[in-house]
Amino acid sequence: MERKSIMWKYISEETSVLKNMLLRKDIEEKVNTTYQEVEAIYFVSHGSSYNASIVVSDFLSKYAKVRVYYYTPGNFLYNCNTISYEDPSKTLVVAISQTGTSRGTLEAVGRARKLGFPILGITDFKASPLGQLSSVQLGLDCGEENSNAKTKGYSSTLAMLMRLTVAIALKKGTINSNKAEEILSELKACVEELEEIIEKTIKWCEATGFGKGMENVFVLGCGMNYGTALEGQLKLMETMCVPTLFNDIEEFSHGMHRAINKNSSVIILNSEHACTELMEKTFKYLKTKTDKVLIINASENKIDDMMAINIKNHPLTESVLGMTTIIQILSAFIPELNGCDPNVNANNDYTDYMKTRV
């Protein structure tokens, strides 16, 4: 199948973009000169940037020993009294916007600034409004991404936040240099595997035809890949323009399972986690209800099934970069399999109507 979408170009650039991210020195330098004693971090962001903050939130809390909260801009503006009780000298607001022009994020940053909190802005455009409002800025350096569904920008955000975690943890002394090197070595290994994962996933898609005639899709995750499940449903909704849902695997049995039928597509994200057994049992069960079930498996045990894509287990980061890349391939491949453009104009005028960018 011919691959025409601009998304393929951006996906192909991911490996080099992430390699450059892992080589950067400015992340540690800015943390070392700016943040003396962080006890709480508030993420504020929309869409994929918000999903990335969910993926990394517990990872950050675990290694840097900080309280971590993630908010959409609307919730931060109108449903976040918690920050009023924080000490600005020990609290950091991290605002993420790939373009740096998201109106909601900028309004949330305005509120945080009025309350006296420092702003760490993460964006790909240093001269953007977000960059100008930030106390300190870190660039994603992922380059232009002119598509509805962001791929390399999202992966860059994940890598940036994990690098930021290591830098803050080292600054606070909550991890030592050996643990930092262990995490960074795992990230490097994950990036080195991406090209192989891309090739393998495309071949799997071509062999199985997964997603042909897709009417709806459910994405289930756990742990760090709970956030990946949220990103998965967003990506497929953006490119397929069909109803999508996501859930934590433990919550799936509390109502969502009732919606599954023979026309349902399901993607299960199985990393090495306490929920692994539940993931695998759910995979076996759902195969009796629909033939459109895929399990992306990064556990220690390989799953020998045509509807399984097995990748390497990376326990410190729960293989989120590999999982994410597979989701991105599916989001580009499935629309084209169905004769659609994954970057099609679908109510694009809504964002202009609502003035979501400045």
Protein backbone atom coordinates (compact mmCIF):
# COMPACT_ATOMS: atom_id res chain seq x y z
CA MET A 1 0.00 0.00 0.00
CA GLU A 2 1.34 3.40 -1.01
CA ARG A 3 1.92 5.71 1.93
CA LYS A 4 1.11 9.29 0.96
CA SER A 5 0.35 11.18 4.17
CA ILE A 6 2.76 13.82 5.47
CA MET A 7 2.56 11.94 8.79
CA TRP A 8 4.96 9.32 7.42
CA LYS A 9 7.63 11.95 6.88
CA TYR A 10 7.30 13.16 10.47
CA ILE A 11 7.35 9.61 11.85
CA SER A 12 10.51 8.86 9.85
CA GLU A 13 12.21 11.88 11.45
CA GLU A 14 11.49 10.73 14.99
CA THR A 15 14.63 8.68 15.57
CA SER A 16 17.03 11.51 14.71
CA VAL A 17 14.96 14.06 16.65
CA LEU A 18 14.97 11.88 19.77
CA LYS A 19 18.67 11.08 19.47
CA ASN A 20 19.38 14.80 19.47
CA MET A 21 17.10 15.26 22.47
CA LEU A 22 19.09 12.71 24.47
CA LEU A 23 22.39 14.44 23.62
CA ARG A 24 21.33 17.89 24.81
CA LYS A 25 23.11 19.54 27.74
CA ASP A 26 20.86 22.56 28.27
CA ILE A 27 18.19 20.65 30.21
CA GLU A 28 20.47 19.91 33.17
CA GLU A 29 22.09 23.34 32.90
CA LYS A 30 18.79 25.19 33.21
CA VAL A 31 17.59 22.98 36.06
CA ASN A 32 20.87 23.42 37.94
CA THR A 33 20.81 27.20 37.68
CA THR A 34 17.10 27.74 38.25
CA TYR A 35 15.35 25.24 40.52
CA GLN A 36 16.75 24.86 43.98
CA GLU A 37 14.07 22.92 45.84
CA VAL A 38 11.00 21.79 43.94
CA GLU A 39 8.34 20.00 45.98
CA ALA A 40 5.34 20.23 43.61
CA ILE A 41 4.96 20.39 39.83
CA TYR A 42 1.78 21.39 37.99
CA PHE A 43 1.48 20.49 34.31
CA VAL A 44 -0.83 22.63 32.20
CA SER A 45 -1.47 21.64 28.58
CA HIS A 46 -3.95 20.59 25.91
CA GLY A 47 -4.31 17.46 23.79
CA SER A 48 -1.18 15.40 23.15
CA SER A 49 0.88 17.62 25.45
CA TYR A 50 -1.57 16.86 28.25
CA ASN A 51 -1.35 13.14 27.47
CA ALA A 52 2.44 13.27 27.71
CA SER A 53 2.19 14.86 31.16
CA ILE A 54 -0.04 11.98 32.30
CA VAL A 55 2.43 9.40 30.98
CA VAL A 56 5.35 10.96 32.84
CA SER A 57 3.60 12.16 36.02
CA ASP A 58 4.23 9.12 38.23
CA PHE A 59 7.71 8.61 36.72
CA LEU A 60 8.53 12.17 37.78
CA SER A 61 7.01 11.74 41.22
CA LYS A 62 8.86 8.45 41.77
CA TYR A 63 12.36 9.61 40.90
CA ALA A 64 12.28 13.33 41.82
CA LYS A 65 10.15 12.82 44.96
CA VAL A 66 7.71 15.61 44.09
CA ARG A 67 3.94 15.96 44.09
CA VAL A 68 2.75 16.02 40.48
CA TYR A 69 -0.57 17.31 39.15
CA TYR A 70 -1.77 17.53 35.56
CA TYR A 71 -4.47 19.90 34.37
CA THR A 72 -6.04 20.92 31.11
CA PRO A 73 -5.98 24.73 30.87
CA GLY A 74 -9.73 24.96 31.49
CA ASN A 75 -9.50 22.87 34.64
CA PHE A 76 -6.49 24.87 35.82
CA LEU A 77 -8.35 28.13 35.27
CA TYR A 78 -11.71 27.15 36.76
CA ASN A 79 -11.25 24.00 38.83
CA CYS A 80 -7.87 24.18 40.56
CA ASN A 81 -7.89 25.65 44.06
CA THR A 82 -5.07 23.33 45.10
CA ILE A 83 -2.37 25.59 43.70
CA SER A 84 -3.52 28.41 46.00
CA TYR A 85 -2.11 26.43 48.93
CA GLU A 86 1.33 25.91 47.36
CA ASP A 87 4.53 27.77 48.18
CA PRO A 88 5.65 29.53 44.94
CA SER A 89 9.29 29.14 45.94
CA LYS A 90 8.91 25.34 45.95
CA THR A 91 6.39 24.88 43.14
CA LEU A 92 6.89 24.82 39.39
CA VAL A 93 4.22 25.25 36.71
CA VAL A 94 5.19 23.44 33.49
CA ALA A 95 3.25 24.70 30.47
CA ILE A 96 3.54 22.65 27.27
CA SER A 97 2.48 23.76 23.79
CA GLN A 98 4.27 22.56 20.67
CA THR A 99 3.35 25.74 18.77
CA GLY A 100 3.47 27.98 21.85
CA THR A 101 0.25 29.67 20.69
CA SER A 102 -2.47 27.72 22.51
CA ARG A 103 -4.89 30.31 23.89
CA GLY A 104 -6.04 28.16 26.82
CA THR A 105 -2.50 27.33 27.90
CA LEU A 106 -1.50 30.99 27.70
CA GLU A 107 -4.47 32.03 29.83
CA ALA A 108 -3.56 29.38 32.42
CA VAL A 109 0.02 30.64 32.44
CA GLY A 110 -1.33 34.14 33.02
CA ARG A 111 -3.19 32.94 36.11
CA ALA A 112 -0.10 31.11 37.45
CA ARG A 113 2.07 34.19 36.93
CA LYS A 114 -0.41 36.39 38.81
CA LEU A 115 -0.21 33.95 41.72
CA GLY A 116 3.58 34.31 41.70
CA PHE A 117 4.58 30.88 40.34
CA PRO A 118 7.59 30.37 38.05
CA ILE A 119 6.76 29.02 34.59
CA LEU A 120 8.78 26.46 32.70
CA GLY A 121 7.61 26.69 29.09
CA ILE A 122 8.16 23.75 26.75
CA THR A 123 7.56 24.60 23.09
CA ASP A 124 9.12 24.19 19.67
CA PHE A 125 9.08 27.93 18.97
CA LYS A 126 11.23 30.01 21.30
CA ALA A 127 9.81 33.33 20.07
CA SER A 128 6.22 32.17 20.63
CA PRO A 129 3.83 33.80 23.12
CA LEU A 130 4.45 30.92 25.54
CA GLY A 131 8.20 31.42 25.28
CA GLN A 132 7.80 35.10 26.09
CA LEU A 133 5.64 34.39 29.15
CA SER A 134 7.93 31.70 30.58
CA SER A 135 10.45 32.22 33.35
CA VAL A 136 12.60 29.54 31.71
CA GLN A 137 12.11 27.89 28.34
CA LEU A 138 13.07 24.52 26.91
CA GLY A 139 12.71 23.96 23.19
CA LEU A 140 11.41 20.68 21.76
CA ASP A 141 13.58 21.14 18.65
CA CYS A 142 11.40 18.76 16.67
CA GLY A 143 10.84 20.98 13.63
CA GLU A 144 7.69 21.76 11.67
CA GLU A 145 4.78 19.34 12.01
CA ASN A 146 1.92 20.46 9.81
CA SER A 147 -0.60 17.72 10.52
CA ASN A 148 -3.73 17.30 12.62
CA ALA A 149 -2.23 14.43 14.63
CA LYS A 150 1.16 15.23 16.14
CA THR A 151 3.72 12.41 16.19
CA LYS A 152 7.35 13.49 16.49
CA GLY A 153 6.28 16.46 18.61
CA TYR A 154 4.53 14.16 21.07
CA SER A 155 7.47 11.76 21.27
CA SER A 156 9.83 14.71 21.73
CA THR A 157 7.68 15.91 24.62
CA LEU A 158 7.86 12.47 26.27
CA ALA A 159 11.64 12.37 25.93
CA MET A 160 11.97 15.95 27.18
CA LEU A 161 9.88 15.25 30.28
CA MET A 162 11.86 12.12 31.11
CA ARG A 163 15.12 14.02 30.66
CA LEU A 164 13.70 16.78 32.86
CA THR A 165 12.81 14.18 35.51
CA VAL A 166 16.39 12.92 35.64
CA ALA A 167 17.77 16.47 35.83
CA ILE A 168 15.48 17.49 38.71
CA ALA A 169 16.10 14.22 40.57
CA LEU A 170 19.87 14.66 40.30
CA LYS A 171 19.60 18.28 41.45
CA LYS A 172 17.55 17.24 44.48
CA GLY A 173 19.75 14.23 45.21
CA THR A 174 16.82 11.81 45.06
CA ILE A 175 18.73 9.61 42.59
CA ASN A 176 22.47 9.13 42.16
CA SER A 177 24.50 9.31 38.96
CA ASN A 178 24.34 5.53 38.49
CA LYS A 179 20.53 5.51 38.48
CA ALA A 180 20.48 8.52 36.16
CA GLU A 181 22.79 6.73 33.73
CA GLU A 182 20.62 3.61 33.94
CA ILE A 183 17.51 5.59 32.95
CA LEU A 184 19.27 7.49 30.17
CA SER A 185 20.83 4.28 28.81
CA GLU A 186 17.38 2.71 28.64
CA LEU A 187 16.03 5.73 26.78
CA LYS A 188 18.88 5.51 24.29
CA ALA A 189 18.15 1.82 23.75
CA CYS A 190 14.47 2.61 23.18
CA VAL A 191 15.34 5.21 20.54
CA GLU A 192 17.74 2.85 18.78
CA GLU A 193 14.91 0.33 18.40
CA LEU A 194 12.39 2.71 16.82
CA GLU A 195 13.33 2.18 13.17
CA GLU A 196 13.02 -1.58 13.60
CA ILE A 197 9.67 -1.12 15.35
CA ILE A 198 8.40 1.08 12.51
CA GLU A 199 9.34 -1.49 9.87
CA LYS A 200 7.94 -4.38 11.90
CA THR A 201 4.63 -2.61 12.58
CA ILE A 202 4.08 -1.63 8.95
CA LYS A 203 4.64 -5.25 7.88
CA TRP A 204 2.21 -6.42 10.57
CA CYS A 205 -0.43 -3.93 9.42
CA GLU A 206 -0.04 -5.05 5.81
CA ALA A 207 -0.27 -8.72 6.78
CA THR A 208 -3.33 -8.45 9.05
CA GLY A 209 -5.29 -5.55 7.56
CA PHE A 210 -6.08 -4.44 11.10
CA GLY A 211 -8.39 -1.43 11.04
CA LYS A 212 -10.10 -2.17 7.73
CA GLY A 213 -13.65 -0.84 8.03
CA MET A 214 -12.96 0.50 11.54
CA GLU A 215 -16.14 1.97 13.04
CA ASN A 216 -14.92 2.64 16.57
CA VAL A 217 -11.92 1.79 18.69
CA PHE A 218 -11.17 1.20 22.37
CA VAL A 219 -7.62 1.64 23.72
CA LEU A 220 -6.74 0.11 27.09
CA GLY A 221 -3.62 0.77 29.14
CA CYS A 222 -2.11 0.70 32.60
CA GLY A 223 0.70 2.43 34.50
CA MET A 224 2.66 4.85 32.33
CA ASN A 225 0.81 3.46 29.32
CA TYR A 226 -2.52 4.62 30.71
CA GLY A 227 -1.47 7.98 29.28
CA THR A 228 -0.40 6.23 26.07
CA ALA A 229 -3.91 4.76 25.81
CA LEU A 230 -5.32 8.29 26.06
CA GLU A 231 -2.92 9.40 23.33
CA GLY A 232 -3.87 6.37 21.24
CA GLN A 233 -7.57 7.16 21.28
CA LEU A 234 -6.83 10.80 20.45
CA LYS A 235 -4.58 9.91 17.50
CA LEU A 236 -7.08 7.50 15.96
CA MET A 237 -9.94 9.93 16.53
CA GLU A 238 -7.95 12.69 14.80
CA THR A 239 -7.01 10.58 11.78
CA MET A 240 -9.97 8.19 11.40
CA CYS A 241 -12.62 10.67 12.59
CA VAL A 242 -14.58 7.87 14.30
CA PRO A 243 -15.71 7.48 17.92
CA THR A 244 -12.87 6.37 20.20
CA LEU A 245 -12.60 5.54 23.90
CA PHE A 246 -9.77 4.81 26.31
CA ASN A 247 -9.59 3.37 29.79
CA ASP A 248 -7.41 1.91 32.48
CA ILE A 249 -7.57 -1.88 32.27
CA GLU A 250 -8.89 -2.11 35.84
CA GLU A 251 -11.79 0.21 34.95
CA PHE A 252 -12.71 -1.56 31.72
CA SER A 253 -14.99 -4.02 33.52
CA HIS A 254 -16.93 -1.17 35.16
CA GLY A 255 -19.18 -0.42 32.22
CA MET A 256 -17.07 0.02 29.10
CA HIS A 257 -16.85 -3.73 28.38
CA ARG A 258 -20.61 -3.72 27.72
CA ALA A 259 -20.12 -1.67 24.56
CA ILE A 260 -17.89 -4.27 22.85
CA ASN A 261 -19.40 -6.15 19.91
CA LYS A 262 -18.22 -7.87 16.73
CA ASN A 263 -17.69 -4.51 15.00
CA SER A 264 -15.49 -3.11 17.79
CA SER A 265 -11.74 -2.62 17.41
CA VAL A 266 -9.65 -2.87 20.58
CA ILE A 267 -5.98 -2.04 21.21
CA ILE A 268 -4.44 -3.29 24.47
CA LEU A 269 -1.14 -1.83 25.70
CA ASN A 270 0.63 -4.43 27.80
CA SER A 271 3.88 -3.35 29.46
CA GLU A 272 5.61 -5.16 32.32
CA HIS A 273 3.35 -4.13 35.18
CA ALA A 274 1.17 -5.50 37.93
CA CYS A 275 -1.71 -5.50 35.42
CA THR A 276 0.03 -7.78 32.91
CA GLU A 277 -2.03 -10.86 33.79
CA LEU A 278 -5.25 -8.86 33.56
CA MET A 279 -4.21 -7.46 30.17
CA GLU A 280 -3.50 -10.91 28.77
CA LYS A 281 -6.75 -12.38 30.11
CA THR A 282 -8.69 -9.46 28.64
CA PHE A 283 -7.00 -10.07 25.27
CA LYS A 284 -8.08 -13.73 25.31
CA TYR A 285 -11.62 -12.84 26.38
CA LEU A 286 -12.14 -10.10 23.78
CA LYS A 287 -10.97 -12.38 20.99
CA THR A 288 -14.18 -14.37 21.61
CA LYS A 289 -16.23 -11.21 20.99
CA THR A 290 -14.48 -9.60 18.02
CA ASP A 291 -11.69 -10.51 15.61
CA LYS A 292 -10.41 -6.92 15.72
CA VAL A 293 -8.28 -7.09 18.88
CA LEU A 294 -4.59 -6.14 18.96
CA ILE A 295 -2.27 -6.44 21.93
CA ILE A 296 0.97 -4.45 21.87
CA ASN A 297 3.12 -6.44 24.24
CA ALA A 298 6.24 -5.17 26.03
CA SER A 299 6.16 -7.64 28.91
CA GLU A 300 8.97 -10.09 29.59
CA ASN A 301 6.90 -12.93 28.12
CA LYS A 302 6.37 -12.94 24.36
CA ILE A 303 2.77 -13.50 23.25
CA ASP A 304 2.66 -15.99 20.38
CA ASP A 305 -0.39 -14.76 18.51
CA MET A 306 -0.94 -13.24 15.06
CA MET A 307 -2.74 -10.31 16.72
CA ALA A 308 0.19 -9.46 19.00
CA ILE A 309 3.02 -7.05 18.28
CA ASN A 310 5.88 -7.87 20.65
CA ILE A 311 8.54 -5.29 21.51
CA LYS A 312 11.34 -5.27 24.07
CA ASN A 313 10.62 -4.82 27.75
CA HIS A 314 12.14 -1.64 29.20
CA PRO A 315 11.11 -1.67 32.87
CA LEU A 316 12.17 1.84 33.95
CA THR A 317 10.15 3.62 31.24
CA GLU A 318 7.60 0.84 30.55
CA SER A 319 8.56 0.95 26.83
CA VAL A 320 6.44 4.06 26.29
CA LEU A 321 8.48 5.31 23.32
CA GLY A 322 8.06 2.02 21.45
CA MET A 323 4.38 1.76 22.37
CA THR A 324 3.84 5.32 21.19
CA THR A 325 5.54 4.70 17.85
CA ILE A 326 3.28 1.72 17.13
CA ILE A 327 0.22 3.85 17.93
CA GLN A 328 1.48 6.51 15.53
CA ILE A 329 1.97 3.95 12.73
CA LEU A 330 -1.56 2.65 13.23
CA SER A 331 -2.92 6.20 13.16
CA ALA A 332 -1.32 6.86 9.77
CA PHE A 333 -1.78 3.39 8.25
CA ILE A 334 -5.42 2.66 9.11
CA PRO A 335 -6.95 5.75 7.44
CA GLU A 336 -5.01 5.07 4.24
CA LEU A 337 -6.04 1.42 4.41
CA ASN A 338 -9.61 2.71 4.33
CA GLY A 339 -8.94 5.13 1.47
CA CYS A 340 -8.87 8.20 3.71
CA ASP A 341 -6.38 11.00 4.26
CA PRO A 342 -5.29 10.95 7.94
CA ASN A 343 -4.76 14.70 7.67
CA VAL A 344 -8.20 15.40 6.18
CA ASN A 345 -10.05 18.62 6.97
CA ALA A 346 -12.69 17.52 9.48
CA ASN A 347 -14.40 20.47 11.15
CA ASN A 348 -11.07 22.29 11.12
CA ASP A 349 -12.96 25.57 11.07
CA TYR A 350 -14.04 24.97 14.66
CA THR A 351 -10.64 25.93 16.05
CA ASP A 352 -10.70 29.14 14.01
CA TYR A 353 -14.26 29.84 15.13
CA MET A 354 -13.30 29.38 18.79
CA LYS A 355 -9.96 31.19 18.37
CA THR A 356 -8.02 28.44 20.13
CA ARG A 357 -4.71 29.88 18.89
CA VAL A 358 -3.36 33.39 19.29
